Structures are given as structure tokens and as C-alpha cells.
Amino acid sequence: MKKEKMKRVLSITLLLAALLPVRAEEQAAADETLRGRIDMENGVLGIADDRGFTLQSRNEKFVFKPYLFLQTRGQVNYYDDEGLDKAYNQDNVANSGFAVPYAILGFTGKTFGCLDYNLSINAAATGANVLQQAWIDYRISPAARFRAGKFKTPFTHAYLTTLGETLFPVLPSSLTTSSIMPYSLNAVTPMIGTGFDVGVEFHGVAKLKPGESSWLAGYEVGLWNGSGSAVNGATKTFSDDWHIPSLLYAGRVTFMPWGQMPATQGNSRMLRGRHLLFGLSGGLNVESENESTNDARLGAEFSILYNRWYIGAEAYWMHVGFTERQKVAEKYNYWGAYGQIGYFVIPSVQLGFRYDFMDRNGSSKDGFLNMPAVVCNYYVPQAHLKLSAMYQFTGRYGHNTQLDRDNDDLGIATHHASVQLQFSF
């Protein structure tokens, strides 16, 4: 009896061992199928076919999907005294309380099987920023597509990540903070990040090896106004110095050896599989900053998704030269970089760390800012809710004088803490 029982247990064990790889392969295939169904090209949130509802024709050439994206945030910002006398009665705690960064209503889809479209309105914004995105995208083939309207410019992994899929609720400060010029030039304060703008681009993804679907190369190249998301109109002219349209000329190339990289920094529904991306980007903004400067930018990026892990890093450089009419011979260089890592400790909880670096006062002066941050993301099951809590510290290092040190982090909180609730549908 004991021998028969042992044989039975051994048979069951061997059967389970044989089935485990099959189950793992089936799960990986299911995850890959889900990954292929999630549309992240609208730039707002990853939309899966089973999220909300979709109207589509039987042949799937016509698709219409409305969506909602809402972020509510409570935050506390503590600022340094910056050497000011207490008699000035400045507040160390400012820009604190509750906010609604995004309240987006939009719809996306396709027509005739080859024309994609997206329109989103941010009710929490003001002015031209209310129109968050509006574009059409004509697909000749996966390697040849044409897009026109208001959308993300092809620069930096942080901005190009889908809004609802970022590891941190706040983008790296090195991208969103204005640079510092000498006092006589304080009206000119470009940021390294370019964000949303109105323009046109050619883009696509192509196979590098025939028959090898996992080796992919992507490209984006185009023209934008260079005015940023706060301007929807055509307000540009010709460059007096270079005699070319005063626009933003930008492009990006990527290499993806493990298949198409989804535009996410962590998704609780995508915990299996591997994706890797290397990218180079750059641009020239002619007569930017009220026709005062010509700004050149370069960036390099790396990101990987490996099962529950996400790792991303990038570095960028900005060169600012003044137009001849400004009669300023000096040129200024700024650069920054960040690295971040996230891991799902359980399917609904993701922990992350980021180190952000910025040479805000330019390479001509000593001193830089370093901004470490931590985050915890909780994905509420079956509710499309994401709860994020983060803390960031702004440190200063290497400045020659206390005045340089005080000036370098003007407008940036020394301590930032926030809790954000995000809902998407």
C-alpha cells in the first residue's frame, strides 16, 4: 500500500512539474496579449479593451472610445529662508493644500482602419492649456505614419510616458524647472523639457531584421511652433539670423531589442514579460523665449520593464544662445539627469526611488541641485484607482558663495510631500 501511495504521489508531482512551464507560458502569452491590447498612444492613460466601453464596427475599422482621467492631490511644500531676514515675514510653507492637476475628458479611436484620432480637454487648466491634446494620425504602414495637431514633442522619456502610467506623480524637477540666467537676463528662463506643442511629425516603428519581430527601431521627426502648450495659435515668424521659420525642429530615434516598449513606468496588469528601450533625441527651438534665444537640446534615455521591475534613466543638455538683436555674446549651457527604479512588491503595491540632478545655474558657475525622491503606489483592485504617496528633498552642493546657493533653488521646495488619488475610466 505504501509503495502504491508513493507511486501515486510521485506521478502527481511529475505531472504538476510538467504542467508548470505550460501554465507559465500560457500566463506570459496572456500578459503579452493584454499588453498588445492596451492603447497608450493617446498620451493620457493606458486604455485596455475591457476598460469602460467601446463602440466599434464589426470589422473593427471604426472605433470610438471615450475616457476620463482625474487626479486629486494634497501636498505640502516647505521652502528655505534663502538668507532673508525674518523681518520680511516670508512663509516657509507655501503652495500647499489641495489641488486638481488634471481633470481630463476625451475620446480616442480610429476610422477606416488607418486614421487614428484623439481629443482631450483638461477642465482643471486655464487658457490654451484647456486643450490638452487634439490630433489625427494617418497610418500608411507601421513604419510610416503622419500626425498633425497638438501632442507631445519627441524629447525625454519622462514626458513621453503615458500620463497615468508614470512612476511618480510629479515629473523630475530638472525637466520642469526654469533655468537661471544672470540678473540682467532674468526675463529669459527656458526649461529643458518641451512637453506638448502644436505641429506635425512623421513617425513609425520598423523591424530591423526580416522575420525577427522583437528587433524594432522607432523614429519621430517633425516641426512644432516651439511656443509650448500654453499657445494654440500660429504666432511665429522667420528668423532674422538664420532666415528659416522660427519653429521647433525636433526628432527622436529608439532601439527596442525586446519588442515594442509600452509607454508605462509600471502597470499592475503587466507584471510579466520583458521590454528594453534605448533612445536619442534632440531639437532646436529657433527664436524662442519671445524671439530672444535659440535653444538647442540633446537627450539620451534608457528604460527597461522586466516582470515586476521598471528601471529608467536619462540625461539631457540645453544650449542657450541669444539672437543678434539682443546684443548678448554670452552663451549658456545647462544639463540634468535622473535615474529611477520601481518594483511591485505585491501585484497592487509598487515602490520607487528617483535621484534627480540639475545644473540649474549653468556650467559657467559652480554648484548644482540634487533631488532624491521616494514613492509608494497602490493600485486599488477592480476600481481603476491609483493612490500615490511621494516625498522629495532638494539639496544644494558645490556653490562658491552663499548667495549663489540661495539663488539656485529659488522657487523649488526644499521638502515636498504629496498624496495623490488618480481615477481613470
Protein backbone atom coordinates (compact mmCIF):
# COMPACT_ATOMS: atom_id res chain seq x y z
CA MET A 1 0.00 0.00 0.00
CA LYS A 2 2.79 2.41 0.91
CA LYS A 3 4.57 1.73 -2.40
CA GLU A 4 1.36 2.35 -4.39
CA LYS A 5 0.73 5.57 -2.42
CA MET A 6 4.29 6.77 -3.05
CA LYS A 7 3.94 5.97 -6.77
CA ARG A 8 0.68 7.92 -6.88
CA VAL A 9 2.25 10.97 -5.15
CA LEU A 10 5.29 10.77 -7.43
CA SER A 11 3.06 10.61 -10.54
CA ILE A 12 1.08 13.67 -9.42
CA THR A 13 4.28 15.57 -8.65
CA LEU A 14 5.77 14.78 -12.05
CA LEU A 15 2.51 15.79 -13.75
CA LEU A 16 2.43 19.13 -11.91
CA ALA A 17 6.09 19.75 -12.73
CA ALA A 18 5.35 19.11 -16.39
CA LEU A 19 2.35 21.45 -16.36
CA LEU A 20 4.06 24.36 -14.59
CA PRO A 21 6.07 25.54 -17.61
CA VAL A 22 2.93 25.27 -19.73
CA ARG A 23 0.99 27.37 -17.22
CA ALA A 24 3.82 29.91 -17.11
CA GLU A 25 3.93 30.08 -20.89
CA GLU A 26 0.16 30.45 -21.07
CA GLN A 27 0.23 33.25 -18.48
CA ALA A 28 3.07 35.02 -20.31
CA ALA A 29 1.14 34.73 -23.57
CA ALA A 30 -1.98 36.10 -21.90
CA ASP A 31 0.00 39.02 -20.47
CA GLU A 32 1.51 39.72 -23.89
CA THR A 33 -1.96 39.67 -25.44
CA LEU A 34 -3.17 42.18 -22.84
CA ARG A 35 -0.10 44.32 -23.45
CA GLY A 36 -0.89 44.36 -27.15
CA ARG A 37 -4.48 45.45 -26.48
CA ILE A 38 -3.57 48.39 -24.25
CA ASP A 39 -3.56 51.59 -26.27
CA MET A 40 -1.07 54.07 -24.79
CA GLU A 41 -0.73 56.30 -27.81
CA ASN A 42 -3.27 58.86 -26.61
CA GLY A 43 -0.65 60.03 -24.09
CA VAL A 44 -3.16 60.32 -21.25
CA LEU A 45 -3.70 56.83 -19.87
CA GLY A 46 -3.35 53.23 -20.92
CA ILE A 47 -6.75 52.15 -22.22
CA ALA A 48 -7.45 48.42 -22.34
CA ASP A 49 -10.33 46.97 -24.36
CA ASP A 50 -12.12 45.88 -21.22
CA ARG A 51 -11.88 49.29 -19.53
CA GLY A 52 -15.12 51.26 -19.75
CA PHE A 53 -16.91 50.74 -23.04
CA THR A 54 -16.07 50.99 -26.72
CA LEU A 55 -18.20 51.48 -29.79
CA GLN A 56 -16.81 49.75 -32.86
CA SER A 57 -17.87 48.24 -36.16
CA ARG A 58 -17.83 44.50 -36.74
CA ASN A 59 -14.72 44.73 -38.89
CA GLU A 60 -13.04 46.93 -36.17
CA LYS A 61 -12.14 49.59 -38.75
CA PHE A 62 -14.21 52.14 -36.86
CA VAL A 63 -13.57 52.51 -33.12
CA PHE A 64 -14.79 55.16 -30.67
CA LYS A 65 -13.74 55.14 -27.01
CA PRO A 66 -14.48 57.95 -24.54
CA TYR A 67 -12.33 58.23 -21.44
CA LEU A 68 -11.99 60.13 -18.17
CA PHE A 69 -8.80 60.91 -16.26
CA LEU A 70 -8.83 62.65 -12.88
CA GLN A 71 -6.07 63.45 -10.39
CA THR A 72 -6.68 64.98 -6.96
CA ARG A 73 -3.70 65.83 -4.78
CA GLY A 74 -2.92 67.03 -1.27
CA GLN A 75 0.57 68.47 -0.90
CA VAL A 76 2.90 70.31 1.47
CA ASN A 77 5.87 72.38 0.25
CA TYR A 78 8.48 73.77 2.64
CA TYR A 79 10.87 76.42 1.26
CA ASP A 80 14.24 77.53 2.56
CA ASP A 81 14.67 81.04 4.03
CA GLU A 82 17.19 81.84 1.26
CA GLY A 83 19.15 84.06 3.66
CA LEU A 84 16.34 86.58 4.06
CA ASP A 85 15.83 88.36 7.35
CA LYS A 86 12.85 87.18 9.40
CA ALA A 87 11.60 90.78 9.32
CA TYR A 88 10.44 90.12 5.74
CA ASN A 89 7.89 87.73 7.26
CA GLN A 90 8.20 85.26 4.40
CA ASP A 91 6.31 81.97 4.60
CA ASN A 92 8.36 78.79 4.64
CA VAL A 93 5.24 76.75 3.87
CA ALA A 94 3.66 77.79 0.58
CA ASN A 95 1.90 76.27 -2.44
CA SER A 96 0.36 73.76 -0.06
CA GLY A 97 -3.14 72.37 0.35
CA PHE A 98 -5.31 70.57 -2.18
CA ALA A 99 -5.20 70.66 -5.96
CA VAL A 100 -6.67 69.07 -9.09
CA PRO A 101 -3.74 68.83 -11.53
CA TYR A 102 -5.76 67.08 -14.23
CA ALA A 103 -9.47 66.65 -14.92
CA ILE A 104 -9.43 65.29 -18.46
CA LEU A 105 -12.37 64.31 -20.63
CA GLY A 106 -11.54 62.88 -24.01
CA PHE A 107 -12.21 60.38 -26.72
CA THR A 108 -9.96 58.40 -28.97
CA GLY A 109 -10.33 55.81 -31.70
CA LYS A 110 -9.81 55.04 -35.37
CA THR A 111 -11.63 55.42 -38.68
CA PHE A 112 -11.27 53.48 -41.94
CA GLY A 113 -8.75 51.25 -40.16
CA CYS A 114 -5.88 53.64 -40.89
CA LEU A 115 -6.69 57.01 -39.28
CA ASP A 116 -6.30 57.36 -35.50
CA TYR A 117 -7.58 60.39 -33.59
CA ASN A 118 -7.53 61.79 -30.08
CA LEU A 119 -9.08 64.82 -28.40
CA SER A 120 -8.78 65.63 -24.70
CA ILE A 121 -9.89 68.63 -22.64
CA ASN A 122 -8.30 69.39 -19.27
CA ALA A 123 -11.00 71.15 -17.26
CA ALA A 124 -8.51 71.86 -14.46
CA ALA A 125 -6.33 74.05 -16.72
CA THR A 126 -6.77 77.61 -17.93
CA GLY A 127 -6.27 79.41 -21.22
CA ALA A 128 -4.89 77.44 -24.14
CA ASN A 129 -3.89 74.60 -21.78
CA VAL A 130 -7.55 73.60 -21.59
CA LEU A 131 -6.97 71.92 -24.95
CA GLN A 132 -4.67 69.22 -23.67
CA GLN A 133 -4.38 67.29 -26.93
CA ALA A 134 -6.02 67.26 -30.35
CA TRP A 135 -4.51 65.27 -33.22
CA ILE A 136 -5.09 62.93 -36.13
CA ASP A 137 -2.65 60.23 -37.17
CA TYR A 138 -2.66 58.66 -40.64
CA ARG A 139 -1.02 55.24 -40.91
CA ILE A 140 0.40 54.27 -44.28
CA SER A 141 2.16 51.36 -42.59
CA PRO A 142 3.54 50.73 -39.08
CA ALA A 143 6.84 52.22 -40.29
CA ALA A 144 5.32 55.30 -41.94
CA ARG A 145 2.80 57.43 -40.09
CA PHE A 146 1.91 61.11 -40.19
CA ARG A 147 0.50 63.07 -37.23
CA ALA A 148 -0.79 66.65 -37.03
CA GLY A 149 -2.27 68.67 -34.20
CA LYS A 150 -1.37 69.26 -30.55
CA PHE A 151 0.58 66.43 -28.95
CA LYS A 152 3.82 65.55 -27.15
CA THR A 153 7.09 66.67 -28.68
CA PRO A 154 9.64 63.83 -29.12
CA PHE A 155 12.00 64.69 -26.28
CA THR A 156 12.67 62.86 -22.98
CA HIS A 157 11.31 59.55 -21.74
CA ALA A 158 9.69 61.24 -18.71
CA TYR A 159 7.33 63.34 -20.84
CA LEU A 160 6.65 60.63 -23.42
CA THR A 161 5.47 58.17 -20.78
CA THR A 162 1.68 57.94 -20.70
CA LEU A 163 0.41 60.43 -18.12
CA GLY A 164 -1.44 57.90 -15.98
CA GLU A 165 1.44 55.40 -16.10
CA THR A 166 4.31 57.37 -14.52
CA LEU A 167 6.18 56.00 -11.51
CA PHE A 168 6.00 59.34 -9.65
CA PRO A 169 3.01 61.71 -9.59
CA VAL A 170 5.42 64.62 -10.26
CA LEU A 171 7.88 64.74 -13.17
CA PRO A 172 11.61 65.27 -12.50
CA SER A 173 12.26 68.87 -11.42
CA SER A 174 15.26 69.04 -13.75
CA LEU A 175 12.83 68.95 -16.70
CA THR A 176 10.07 71.20 -15.37
CA THR A 177 12.11 73.92 -13.60
CA SER A 178 13.21 77.07 -15.42
CA SER A 179 16.92 77.73 -15.79
CA ILE A 180 18.68 80.65 -14.10
CA MET A 181 20.27 83.43 -16.14
CA PRO A 182 22.35 86.38 -14.91
CA TYR A 183 20.22 89.04 -13.25
CA SER A 184 20.10 91.29 -16.30
CA LEU A 185 18.63 88.41 -18.33
CA ASN A 186 16.02 87.09 -15.91
CA ALA A 187 13.23 87.52 -18.49
CA VAL A 188 14.74 84.59 -20.40
CA THR A 189 14.31 81.37 -18.42
CA PRO A 190 13.84 78.34 -20.71
CA MET A 191 13.12 74.88 -19.32
CA ILE A 192 14.87 71.76 -20.57
CA GLY A 193 11.59 69.89 -21.12
CA THR A 194 9.46 70.84 -24.14
CA GLY A 195 6.20 68.99 -23.40
CA PHE A 196 3.09 69.49 -25.56
CA ASP A 197 3.04 71.71 -28.64
CA VAL A 198 1.22 72.24 -31.93
CA GLY A 199 2.87 70.82 -35.03
CA VAL A 200 3.33 67.92 -37.43
CA GLU A 201 5.56 64.85 -37.39
CA PHE A 202 6.46 61.70 -39.28
CA HIS A 203 6.94 58.64 -37.09
CA GLY A 204 6.87 54.88 -37.13
CA VAL A 205 8.31 51.59 -35.92
CA ALA A 206 10.13 49.19 -38.23
CA LYS A 207 11.65 45.72 -37.94
CA LEU A 208 15.43 45.69 -38.08
CA LYS A 209 15.63 42.03 -39.07
CA PRO A 210 13.21 40.39 -41.52
CA GLY A 211 11.33 37.69 -39.67
CA GLU A 212 12.69 38.84 -36.30
CA SER A 213 9.74 40.69 -34.78
CA SER A 214 11.44 41.56 -31.50
CA TRP A 215 14.17 43.80 -33.00
CA LEU A 216 12.47 47.13 -33.57
CA ALA A 217 13.57 50.68 -34.34
CA GLY A 218 11.38 53.73 -33.93
CA TYR A 219 11.67 57.30 -35.13
CA GLU A 220 9.86 60.64 -34.73
CA VAL A 221 10.79 63.79 -36.60
CA GLY A 222 8.82 66.98 -37.13
CA LEU A 223 8.13 70.68 -36.74
CA TRP A 224 6.31 72.45 -33.90
CA ASN A 225 5.59 76.07 -33.03
CA GLY A 226 8.02 75.93 -30.10
CA SER A 227 5.63 78.03 -28.02
CA GLY A 228 4.64 75.23 -25.64
CA SER A 229 1.22 74.03 -24.57
CA ALA A 230 0.05 77.49 -23.48
CA VAL A 231 -0.28 78.71 -27.09
CA ASN A 232 -2.63 77.13 -29.64
CA GLY A 233 -2.34 79.76 -32.34
CA ALA A 234 0.13 80.38 -35.18
CA THR A 235 2.25 83.22 -33.79
CA LYS A 236 5.72 82.55 -35.22
CA THR A 237 7.82 84.40 -37.81
CA PHE A 238 11.09 83.96 -39.70
CA SER A 239 14.48 84.01 -38.02
CA ASP A 240 16.36 87.26 -38.67
CA ASP A 241 19.68 85.50 -38.06
CA TRP A 242 19.24 82.18 -39.91
CA HIS A 243 16.42 83.08 -42.35
CA ILE A 244 14.43 79.94 -41.57
CA PRO A 245 11.00 79.62 -39.92
CA SER A 246 11.26 80.30 -36.18
CA LEU A 247 9.92 76.90 -35.15
CA LEU A 248 10.93 73.95 -33.01
CA TYR A 249 12.78 71.33 -35.07
CA ALA A 250 12.89 68.06 -33.10
CA GLY A 251 13.40 64.33 -33.53
CA ARG A 252 13.96 61.06 -31.69
CA VAL A 253 15.23 57.59 -32.59
CA THR A 254 14.81 54.46 -30.47
CA PHE A 255 16.05 50.88 -30.47
CA MET A 256 13.91 48.15 -28.88
CA PRO A 257 15.57 44.71 -28.96
CA TRP A 258 12.78 43.01 -26.99
CA GLY A 259 9.73 44.18 -28.91
CA GLN A 260 7.54 47.26 -28.66
CA MET A 261 8.10 49.19 -25.44
CA PRO A 262 4.79 50.22 -23.87
CA ALA A 263 4.74 53.83 -22.65
CA THR A 264 4.49 52.89 -18.97
CA GLN A 265 6.68 53.01 -15.88
CA GLY A 266 4.65 50.36 -14.11
CA ASN A 267 1.24 48.80 -14.58
CA SER A 268 -0.31 46.33 -12.14
CA ARG A 269 -1.84 44.45 -15.08
CA MET A 270 1.52 43.93 -16.81
CA LEU A 271 3.73 42.04 -14.36
CA ARG A 272 5.26 39.54 -16.78
CA GLY A 273 7.40 39.91 -19.85
CA ARG A 274 10.43 41.99 -20.76
CA HIS A 275 10.93 45.18 -22.79
CA LEU A 276 14.00 47.33 -23.34
CA LEU A 277 14.47 50.72 -24.99
CA PHE A 278 17.43 52.92 -25.87
CA GLY A 279 16.77 56.37 -27.29
CA LEU A 280 18.42 59.56 -28.54
CA SER A 281 16.54 62.82 -29.04
CA GLY A 282 17.24 66.42 -29.81
CA GLY A 283 15.81 69.66 -31.05
CA LEU A 284 16.44 73.27 -31.97
CA ASN A 285 13.95 75.94 -30.92
CA VAL A 286 14.58 78.94 -33.18
CA GLU A 287 13.82 82.38 -31.73
CA SER A 288 12.22 81.00 -28.58
CA GLU A 289 11.62 82.96 -25.37
CA ASN A 290 9.84 85.88 -27.07
CA GLU A 291 12.23 85.74 -30.05
CA SER A 292 15.23 86.27 -27.72
CA THR A 293 17.14 82.99 -27.88
CA ASN A 294 17.96 79.96 -30.00
CA ASP A 295 17.79 76.90 -27.74
CA ALA A 296 19.36 73.55 -28.66
CA ARG A 297 18.64 70.35 -26.74
CA LEU A 298 20.04 66.82 -26.71
CA GLY A 299 18.94 63.81 -24.68
CA ALA A 300 19.76 60.14 -24.17
CA GLU A 301 17.41 57.67 -22.49
CA PHE A 302 17.21 54.10 -21.29
CA SER A 303 14.27 52.15 -19.87
CA ILE A 304 13.51 48.53 -19.11
CA LEU A 305 10.46 46.61 -17.97
CA TYR A 306 11.31 43.15 -16.67
CA ASN A 307 8.44 41.35 -14.97
CA ARG A 308 7.78 43.40 -11.82
CA TRP A 309 10.79 45.69 -12.29
CA TYR A 310 10.97 49.05 -14.01
CA ILE A 311 14.27 50.94 -14.41
CA GLY A 312 14.69 54.19 -16.29
CA ALA A 313 17.44 56.77 -16.70
CA GLU A 314 18.17 59.69 -18.97
CA ALA A 315 20.43 62.69 -19.33
CA TYR A 316 19.85 65.92 -21.24
CA TRP A 317 21.69 69.09 -22.22
CA MET A 318 20.46 72.53 -23.27
CA HIS A 319 22.49 75.24 -25.03
CA VAL A 320 21.10 78.79 -24.98
CA GLY A 321 22.41 81.41 -27.41
CA PHE A 322 20.91 84.86 -27.90
CA THR A 323 19.70 86.32 -31.16
CA GLU A 324 21.76 89.11 -32.70
CA ARG A 325 19.16 91.75 -31.88
CA GLN A 326 19.73 91.09 -28.15
CA LYS A 327 23.41 92.06 -28.48
CA VAL A 328 24.43 89.43 -25.91
CA ALA A 329 27.52 87.47 -26.90
CA GLU A 330 27.49 85.05 -23.96
CA LYS A 331 26.18 81.52 -24.42
CA TYR A 332 24.95 79.28 -21.63
CA ASN A 333 24.82 75.52 -21.13
CA TYR A 334 22.58 73.60 -18.75
CA TRP A 335 22.28 69.90 -18.14
CA GLY A 336 20.49 67.45 -15.94
CA ALA A 337 19.88 63.74 -15.43
CA TYR A 338 17.83 61.34 -13.39
CA GLY A 339 17.58 57.65 -12.66
CA GLN A 340 14.62 55.83 -11.17
CA ILE A 341 13.64 52.32 -10.23
CA GLY A 342 10.32 50.74 -9.34
CA TYR A 343 9.29 47.29 -8.13
CA PHE A 344 5.91 45.65 -7.44
CA VAL A 345 6.35 44.01 -4.02
CA ILE A 346 2.85 42.59 -4.48
CA PRO A 347 0.62 42.94 -7.58
CA SER A 348 -1.13 46.02 -6.15
CA VAL A 349 1.81 47.83 -4.50
CA GLN A 350 4.75 49.44 -6.31
CA LEU A 351 7.69 51.08 -4.52
CA GLY A 352 10.03 53.50 -6.28
CA PHE A 353 13.12 55.65 -5.86
CA ARG A 354 14.41 58.51 -8.03
CA TYR A 355 17.58 60.59 -7.99
CA ASP A 356 17.27 63.82 -9.96
CA PHE A 357 20.20 66.11 -10.78
CA MET A 358 20.30 69.60 -12.34
CA ASP A 359 22.96 72.16 -13.15
CA ARG A 360 20.40 74.95 -12.95
CA ASN A 361 22.74 77.94 -12.85
CA GLY A 362 24.68 76.82 -15.94
CA SER A 363 28.09 75.29 -16.47
CA SER A 364 29.77 78.69 -16.12
CA LYS A 365 29.02 78.68 -12.38
CA ASP A 366 29.81 76.10 -9.74
CA GLY A 367 27.05 74.35 -7.86
CA PHE A 368 24.17 72.02 -8.69
CA LEU A 369 20.93 70.67 -7.28
CA ASN A 370 20.31 67.05 -6.31
CA MET A 371 16.76 65.92 -5.63
CA PRO A 372 16.22 62.37 -4.30
CA ALA A 373 12.62 61.15 -4.03
CA VAL A 374 10.69 58.06 -2.92
CA VAL A 375 7.19 56.91 -3.83
CA CYS A 376 4.64 54.23 -2.98
CA ASN A 377 1.86 53.45 -5.47
CA TYR A 378 -1.19 51.41 -4.50
CA TYR A 379 -3.43 50.15 -7.30
CA VAL A 380 -6.90 49.55 -5.88
CA PRO A 381 -8.09 46.25 -7.39
CA GLN A 382 -11.09 46.34 -9.73
CA ALA A 383 -11.58 50.09 -9.25
CA HIS A 384 -9.20 51.84 -11.69
CA LEU A 385 -7.86 53.84 -8.74
CA LYS A 386 -4.18 54.58 -8.14
CA LEU A 387 -3.08 56.05 -4.81
CA SER A 388 0.43 57.58 -4.79
CA ALA A 389 2.42 59.00 -1.89
CA MET A 390 5.80 60.63 -2.53
CA TYR A 391 8.47 62.71 -0.82
CA GLN A 392 11.26 64.73 -2.46
CA PHE A 393 14.18 66.61 -0.93
CA THR A 394 16.10 69.34 -2.75
CA GLY A 395 19.77 69.57 -1.83
CA ARG A 396 22.41 72.08 -2.95
CA TYR A 397 26.09 71.34 -3.39
CA GLY A 398 29.32 72.96 -4.61
CA HIS A 399 28.33 76.65 -4.77
CA ASN A 400 31.03 79.28 -4.41
CA THR A 401 29.04 81.68 -2.25
CA GLN A 402 26.00 81.56 -0.01
CA LEU A 403 24.24 83.95 -2.40
CA ASP A 404 24.76 81.51 -5.29
CA ARG A 405 23.46 78.74 -3.09
CA ASP A 406 20.36 80.72 -2.12
CA ASN A 407 19.61 81.77 -5.69
CA ASP A 408 19.97 78.32 -7.20
CA ASP A 409 16.85 76.77 -5.70
CA LEU A 410 14.56 79.81 -5.86
CA GLY A 411 11.02 78.60 -6.44
CA ILE A 412 11.83 74.95 -5.64
CA ALA A 413 10.63 73.46 -2.37
CA THR A 414 13.32 72.06 -0.09
CA HIS A 415 10.82 69.47 1.15
CA HIS A 416 7.89 68.29 -0.95
CA ALA A 417 5.35 65.70 0.21
CA SER A 418 2.17 64.76 -1.58
CA VAL A 419 -0.60 62.17 -1.69
CA GLN A 420 -2.43 61.78 -4.99
CA LEU A 421 -5.54 59.83 -5.92
CA GLN A 422 -5.93 59.03 -9.60
CA PHE A 423 -9.01 57.65 -11.33
CA SER A 424 -9.20 56.59 -14.95
CA PHE A 425 -12.05 55.14 -16.97
